[in-house]
C-alpha cells in the first residue's frame, strides 16, 4: 500500500516513496466461507520471505503462497518438517 513519504518516514521504501505490506492468512472453510486468521504489517522494503516462519505454524493446514514468498531451501525444510503448501514456481524454475 503506497504511503506519503512526507508523513510516513518510518515506511521509507525508495528515495521518494513509502509503503507497507499486509501479509494475511485466510482460512477457507467451505464453499464461499473464509475469514482472516492472522495479519502482519511490514514496511514495503522488507521481503515477503521473512514472513514464512511467522505465517506458517500449523501442520494440519495447506498454505498457498504467491511468488514473493518463494524460498526453495525453506520449502524443502518445511516439507521435511511436515508442512503442506502450494506456490507458483519462478519462471524457468522447471529447467534447473
N, C-alpha and C. Protein backbone atom coordinates (compact mmCIF):
# COMPACT_ATOMS: atom_id res chain seq x y z
N UNK A 1 0.84 -1.15 0.00
CA UNK A 1 0.00 0.00 0.00
C UNK A 1 0.90 1.23 0.00
N UNK A 2 0.79 2.07 -0.98
CA UNK A 2 1.64 3.26 -1.03
C UNK A 2 1.24 4.28 0.05
N UNK A 3 2.25 4.93 0.59
CA UNK A 3 2.04 5.97 1.59
C UNK A 3 2.84 7.21 1.22
N UNK A 4 2.47 8.32 1.79
CA UNK A 4 3.21 9.56 1.59
C UNK A 4 4.51 9.50 2.39
N UNK A 5 5.63 9.68 1.73
CA UNK A 5 6.92 9.66 2.41
C UNK A 5 7.03 10.81 3.40
N UNK A 6 6.42 11.93 3.10
CA UNK A 6 6.46 13.08 3.99
C UNK A 6 5.85 12.75 5.35
N UNK A 7 4.73 12.04 5.35
CA UNK A 7 4.03 11.73 6.59
C UNK A 7 4.39 10.38 7.20
N UNK A 8 5.08 9.53 6.45
CA UNK A 8 5.36 8.17 6.91
C UNK A 8 6.83 7.80 6.67
N UNK A 9 7.73 8.58 7.20
CA UNK A 9 9.17 8.32 7.00
C UNK A 9 9.58 6.93 7.51
N UNK A 10 8.89 6.42 8.51
CA UNK A 10 9.20 5.11 9.07
C UNK A 10 9.01 3.99 8.05
N UNK A 11 8.23 4.26 7.00
CA UNK A 11 7.93 3.24 5.98
C UNK A 11 8.67 3.52 4.67
N UNK A 12 9.81 4.22 4.74
CA UNK A 12 10.55 4.56 3.53
C UNK A 12 10.88 3.30 2.73
N UNK A 13 10.59 3.36 1.44
CA UNK A 13 10.77 2.22 0.56
C UNK A 13 11.82 2.53 -0.50
N UNK A 14 11.70 3.67 -1.11
CA UNK A 14 12.66 4.15 -2.10
C UNK A 14 12.95 5.60 -1.80
N UNK A 15 13.75 6.18 -2.62
CA UNK A 15 14.18 7.57 -2.38
C UNK A 15 13.00 8.52 -2.19
N UNK A 16 11.94 8.32 -2.96
CA UNK A 16 10.80 9.24 -2.90
C UNK A 16 9.48 8.54 -2.55
N UNK A 17 9.56 7.29 -2.07
CA UNK A 17 8.33 6.52 -1.82
C UNK A 17 8.35 5.89 -0.43
N UNK A 18 7.16 5.70 0.10
CA UNK A 18 6.96 4.95 1.33
C UNK A 18 5.83 3.96 1.10
N UNK A 19 5.81 2.90 1.89
CA UNK A 19 4.73 1.93 1.73
C UNK A 19 4.78 0.84 2.78
N UNK A 20 3.69 0.13 2.89
CA UNK A 20 3.59 -1.01 3.80
C UNK A 20 2.99 -2.20 3.05
N UNK A 21 3.22 -3.39 3.61
CA UNK A 21 2.62 -4.61 3.08
C UNK A 21 1.77 -5.23 4.19
N UNK A 22 0.70 -5.85 3.79
CA UNK A 22 -0.13 -6.59 4.72
C UNK A 22 -0.06 -8.06 4.33
N UNK A 23 0.54 -8.86 5.20
CA UNK A 23 0.61 -10.30 4.99
C UNK A 23 -0.59 -10.89 5.72
N UNK A 24 -1.43 -11.57 4.97
CA UNK A 24 -2.71 -12.02 5.51
C UNK A 24 -2.86 -13.52 5.37
N UNK A 25 -3.23 -14.16 6.44
CA UNK A 25 -3.52 -15.59 6.39
C UNK A 25 -5.03 -15.76 6.47
N UNK A 26 -5.58 -16.37 5.43
CA UNK A 26 -7.03 -16.60 5.36
C UNK A 26 -7.33 -18.07 5.62
N UNK A 27 -8.45 -18.31 6.24
CA UNK A 27 -8.94 -19.67 6.45
C UNK A 27 -10.14 -19.86 5.54
N UNK A 28 -10.10 -20.90 4.72
CA UNK A 28 -11.22 -21.25 3.84
C UNK A 28 -11.92 -22.46 4.44
N UNK A 29 -13.17 -22.28 4.81
CA UNK A 29 -13.92 -23.34 5.48
C UNK A 29 -14.68 -24.21 4.48
N UNK A 30 -15.68 -23.66 3.90
CA UNK A 30 -16.48 -24.37 2.92
C UNK A 30 -16.74 -23.40 1.77
N UNK A 31 -17.37 -23.86 0.76
CA UNK A 31 -17.60 -23.02 -0.42
C UNK A 31 -18.19 -21.66 -0.02
N UNK A 32 -17.46 -20.61 -0.35
CA UNK A 32 -17.93 -19.26 -0.10
C UNK A 32 -17.69 -18.72 1.31
N UNK A 33 -17.07 -19.52 2.18
CA UNK A 33 -16.85 -19.08 3.55
C UNK A 33 -15.35 -19.01 3.84
N UNK A 34 -14.88 -17.83 4.14
CA UNK A 34 -13.49 -17.64 4.54
C UNK A 34 -13.42 -16.49 5.53
N UNK A 35 -12.34 -16.46 6.31
CA UNK A 35 -12.14 -15.37 7.24
C UNK A 35 -10.64 -15.16 7.48
N UNK A 36 -10.23 -13.92 7.79
CA UNK A 36 -8.82 -13.67 8.09
C UNK A 36 -8.48 -14.20 9.48
N UNK A 37 -7.39 -14.93 9.57
CA UNK A 37 -7.00 -15.51 10.85
C UNK A 37 -5.78 -14.80 11.45
N UNK A 38 -4.91 -14.30 10.59
CA UNK A 38 -3.69 -13.66 11.07
C UNK A 38 -3.29 -12.58 10.08
N UNK A 39 -2.84 -11.46 10.60
CA UNK A 39 -2.38 -10.36 9.75
C UNK A 39 -1.10 -9.78 10.35
N UNK A 40 -0.13 -9.53 9.49
CA UNK A 40 1.13 -8.92 9.90
C UNK A 40 1.44 -7.79 8.94
N UNK A 41 1.74 -6.63 9.47
CA UNK A 41 2.10 -5.47 8.65
C UNK A 41 3.61 -5.29 8.70
N UNK A 42 4.21 -5.07 7.53
CA UNK A 42 5.64 -4.77 7.44
C UNK A 42 5.83 -3.57 6.53
N UNK A 43 7.01 -3.01 6.54
CA UNK A 43 7.31 -1.96 5.58
C UNK A 43 7.45 -2.61 4.21
N UNK A 44 7.24 -1.85 3.17
CA UNK A 44 7.32 -2.38 1.81
C UNK A 44 8.73 -2.83 1.47
N UNK A 45 9.71 -2.31 2.16
CA UNK A 45 11.11 -2.66 1.88
C UNK A 45 11.45 -4.08 2.31
N UNK A 46 10.76 -4.58 3.33
CA UNK A 46 11.03 -5.92 3.84
C UNK A 46 10.54 -6.96 2.84
N UNK A 47 11.35 -8.00 2.63
CA UNK A 47 10.98 -9.04 1.67
C UNK A 47 9.93 -9.96 2.26
N UNK A 48 9.03 -10.46 1.42
CA UNK A 48 7.94 -11.34 1.84
C UNK A 48 8.44 -12.63 2.49
N UNK A 49 9.56 -13.16 1.99
CA UNK A 49 10.08 -14.43 2.52
C UNK A 49 10.30 -14.40 4.02
N UNK A 50 10.59 -13.22 4.57
CA UNK A 50 10.82 -13.11 6.00
C UNK A 50 9.60 -13.42 6.84
N UNK A 51 8.45 -13.51 6.24
CA UNK A 51 7.21 -13.77 6.97
C UNK A 51 6.82 -15.25 6.99
N UNK A 52 7.57 -16.09 6.29
CA UNK A 52 7.19 -17.51 6.22
C UNK A 52 7.09 -18.15 7.60
N UNK A 53 8.11 -17.99 8.44
CA UNK A 53 8.09 -18.63 9.76
C UNK A 53 6.98 -18.06 10.65
N UNK A 54 6.60 -16.82 10.42
CA UNK A 54 5.55 -16.19 11.22
C UNK A 54 4.17 -16.68 10.79
N UNK A 55 3.97 -16.81 9.49
CA UNK A 55 2.65 -17.17 8.98
C UNK A 55 2.39 -18.68 8.96
N UNK A 56 3.43 -19.48 8.87
CA UNK A 56 3.28 -20.93 8.75
C UNK A 56 3.58 -21.57 10.10
N UNK A 57 2.54 -22.06 10.78
CA UNK A 57 2.77 -22.63 12.11
C UNK A 57 1.83 -23.78 12.45
N UNK A 58 1.09 -24.29 11.48
CA UNK A 58 0.15 -25.36 11.74
C UNK A 58 0.30 -26.44 10.67
N UNK A 59 0.74 -27.62 11.09
CA UNK A 59 0.99 -28.71 10.14
C UNK A 59 -0.28 -29.33 9.59
N UNK A 60 -1.42 -28.99 10.13
CA UNK A 60 -2.68 -29.54 9.65
C UNK A 60 -3.32 -28.66 8.58
N UNK A 61 -2.62 -27.64 8.14
CA UNK A 61 -3.14 -26.71 7.14
C UNK A 61 -2.41 -26.87 5.81
N UNK A 62 -3.03 -26.38 4.77
CA UNK A 62 -2.39 -26.29 3.45
C UNK A 62 -2.21 -24.81 3.20
N UNK A 63 -0.97 -24.38 2.95
CA UNK A 63 -0.65 -22.98 2.72
C UNK A 63 -0.49 -22.71 1.23
N UNK A 64 -0.98 -21.57 0.80
CA UNK A 64 -0.87 -21.15 -0.60
C UNK A 64 -0.15 -19.81 -0.61
N UNK A 65 0.98 -19.74 -1.34
CA UNK A 65 1.80 -18.53 -1.40
C UNK A 65 1.87 -17.99 -2.81
N UNK A 66 2.07 -16.70 -2.94
CA UNK A 66 2.40 -16.17 -4.25
C UNK A 66 3.93 -16.23 -4.40
N UNK A 67 4.43 -15.84 -5.54
CA UNK A 67 5.86 -15.98 -5.83
C UNK A 67 6.76 -15.13 -4.95
N UNK A 68 6.22 -14.10 -4.31
CA UNK A 68 7.04 -13.26 -3.44
C UNK A 68 7.60 -14.01 -2.25
N UNK A 69 6.98 -15.12 -1.89
CA UNK A 69 7.40 -15.90 -0.73
C UNK A 69 8.33 -17.06 -1.10
N UNK A 70 8.67 -17.19 -2.37
CA UNK A 70 9.47 -18.33 -2.81
C UNK A 70 10.84 -18.37 -2.13
N UNK A 71 11.14 -19.50 -1.56
CA UNK A 71 12.44 -19.78 -0.96
C UNK A 71 12.56 -21.30 -0.96
N UNK A 72 13.19 -21.84 -1.98
CA UNK A 72 13.22 -23.28 -2.17
C UNK A 72 13.88 -24.02 -1.01
N UNK A 73 14.92 -23.46 -0.43
CA UNK A 73 15.56 -24.12 0.72
C UNK A 73 14.61 -24.19 1.90
N UNK A 74 13.90 -23.11 2.17
CA UNK A 74 12.92 -23.12 3.26
C UNK A 74 11.77 -24.07 2.94
N UNK A 75 11.32 -24.09 1.69
CA UNK A 75 10.25 -25.01 1.30
C UNK A 75 10.69 -26.46 1.54
N UNK A 76 11.95 -26.78 1.23
CA UNK A 76 12.45 -28.13 1.50
C UNK A 76 12.40 -28.45 2.99
N UNK A 77 12.84 -27.52 3.83
CA UNK A 77 12.80 -27.73 5.27
C UNK A 77 11.35 -27.87 5.76
N UNK A 78 10.47 -27.02 5.24
CA UNK A 78 9.07 -27.08 5.63
C UNK A 78 8.46 -28.43 5.27
N UNK A 79 8.78 -28.92 4.07
CA UNK A 79 8.27 -30.23 3.64
C UNK A 79 8.81 -31.33 4.55
N UNK A 80 10.11 -31.27 4.86
CA UNK A 80 10.71 -32.26 5.76
C UNK A 80 10.07 -32.21 7.15
N UNK A 81 9.63 -31.03 7.57
CA UNK A 81 9.00 -30.86 8.89
C UNK A 81 7.52 -31.19 8.89
N UNK A 82 6.95 -31.55 7.73
CA UNK A 82 5.56 -31.98 7.67
C UNK A 82 4.54 -30.92 7.28
N UNK A 83 4.99 -29.77 6.76
CA UNK A 83 4.07 -28.74 6.31
C UNK A 83 3.69 -28.97 4.86
N UNK A 84 2.47 -28.58 4.49
CA UNK A 84 1.98 -28.70 3.13
C UNK A 84 1.75 -27.31 2.56
N UNK A 85 2.13 -27.12 1.31
CA UNK A 85 1.97 -25.80 0.70
C UNK A 85 1.87 -25.93 -0.81
N UNK A 86 1.43 -24.84 -1.42
CA UNK A 86 1.31 -24.72 -2.86
C UNK A 86 1.80 -23.34 -3.24
N UNK A 87 2.63 -23.25 -4.27
CA UNK A 87 3.10 -21.96 -4.73
C UNK A 87 3.43 -22.05 -6.21
N UNK A 88 3.30 -20.95 -6.89
CA UNK A 88 3.73 -20.92 -8.30
C UNK A 88 5.25 -20.88 -8.32
N UNK A 89 5.82 -21.56 -9.27
CA UNK A 89 7.27 -21.58 -9.42
C UNK A 89 7.75 -20.32 -10.13
N UNK A 90 9.01 -20.02 -9.94
CA UNK A 90 9.61 -18.93 -10.72
C UNK A 90 9.64 -19.39 -12.17
N UNK A 91 9.61 -18.43 -13.07
CA UNK A 91 9.72 -18.76 -14.49
C UNK A 91 11.07 -19.43 -14.70
N UNK A 92 11.11 -20.47 -15.52
CA UNK A 92 12.29 -21.24 -15.84
C UNK A 92 12.78 -22.10 -14.68
N UNK A 93 12.05 -22.19 -13.58
CA UNK A 93 12.48 -23.00 -12.44
C UNK A 93 12.47 -24.48 -12.82
N UNK A 94 11.56 -24.89 -13.67
CA UNK A 94 11.48 -26.30 -14.06
C UNK A 94 12.68 -26.72 -14.90
N UNK A 95 13.40 -25.78 -15.45
CA UNK A 95 14.53 -26.09 -16.33
C UNK A 95 15.83 -26.23 -15.53
N UNK A 96 15.81 -26.04 -14.22
CA UNK A 96 17.04 -26.14 -13.43
C UNK A 96 17.48 -27.55 -13.27
